[in-house]
Amino acid sequence: MPKALVVDDEKPCALQVAEALVDDGHEVRTATSGSEAIAVGLRWRPDVLITDWMLADDVDGLHVAEVLRLVVPQLAAVLITGFASDDLRVRARDGEVAAFIEKPFDLQHVRRSVREAPCSGGLRMNGPPIAVMEIDAAGQIRFANRWAREMLAETRAGADVRVFGDIFGGEAFDLAAAVRKWQVATPRSSRRVVWHVRTQAMGAQGTRLVVLRREGDPHFITRPLVRMLLGPLPGTGDESSRGDRALIVSCDAVQRRLARAMLAVAGVGGYVVGTMAEANRLLWADRGIGHLVLCADDRSEVSQESVARARAIRRGLSIIGSGAEALRGDLLSAGVDRFLLAPWRSEDLCITLSDRIGECVDCGEVLPLRRADSGEAPTSWTCRSCGSRYRAILDEDCPPDVRSNVRPVV
């Protein structure tokens, strides 16, 4: 019988579904957050994922499926939600979700969906390929996905190499240094081969995940998946969620697709919807939403009534109005807290929603920068690794080694 991973932030619900599947003969494991589901699934490698869409952290059910797809190409996913928005239905169809179940549901529906899921095919790989390996404390390669094997085939050790050190001809490679940032590696090969390597710290299971990319590969494209795959960076204040989730409202379908990508690249969890009615439903449903971004254009209007309604649902909600410069006055008059000039980039969104910038949008380097408070004048900084520029304040609380990751622009 297929192995099944059940994910729900309400533990009784997860256990109820798990017990029903165990009765059907499945080997089952459970998780109560997206991050936990990824940590379990990457090593256990289930055949079927049964997951709620809205989870307790910044990783939703579709994110879990996308990351696990890197190590289980034929993974089938059953998505459960109490908020079946039109955009979510489109995302589910685009990802070839095997089954889409709306709450409330009965266990028979779930059991039937799991039985049929493997026959429906796996998820289509929407994102770029990422080379992933699992290595134990002795340096033995316990697992390598197809993209990792393709890269290993470029070395003298070959695609079937079993010891990580053999890739470098027995020379030591410091995996610990690759926990915090990408490290350059030059495996032994008949031609010039240069890799960039990132890894986790050694886990309780006695293994670590390692990500490889070729020199010149576009780093920013894979960055969201790599962040979710490797988990939080230890010792940088990123062990938990980056803060409250964001909810973006836009009536433009193209802008909604771009906004979803921007949320992922900025490392901010959240939702993108098309109407205030959908936004208000989510504000009631998810108490973890702390930021509301209202996108205004010629076809939509952000009113005092819509802003007041959102504040009535969620006290302490941070509301950002976004639009052309000509709309700044109207948005501020409607009662938004801040204005975000459109079109915006992922780093603009990250700075607006969070006190800390976190990581460079282009190369993933950890940055000791934060958004300027009222009365503070931001200055220009460049990322040491790739030269990307930021207008921000140096965060003096960051460790010295992190502080050296930026240089002031003279």
Foldseek 3Di string as FASTA:
>chain_A
DWAEEEEALPVVVSVVLQVVVVVVVHNYDYYQFLLVLLVVCCVVPTQEYEYEQDGDAQQGPVLSQLLSCLQHVFRAYEYEYQQDAPVVVVVCVQFQHQHYHYPPDDSVVVNVSVVCRSVSTGTDNPADHWWKFKAFPQQFTPDTGPVVLVVLCQAPCHSPRGGNCVQQVNDDDPQVVQAQFWDWDFGHGPDTWIKTKHKEDQDPVRMIMMIIDTPPDQQLRCVLSVCSNRDFRPPFPRNGHLAFAEEEEAQDPVVQVVVVVLCSLQSGGYYYHHDLVSVLVVLQVDVRHQEYEYEDDPVDAQALVSVVSSCVSPPNRQYEYEEDPVCQVVVVVSPHPYYQYPPDGSQSVNQVVHQASQADSRRGNGAQWGADDPPDFFFWKAFQPPGDIDGTDGNPPGDPVRHVRIDGDD
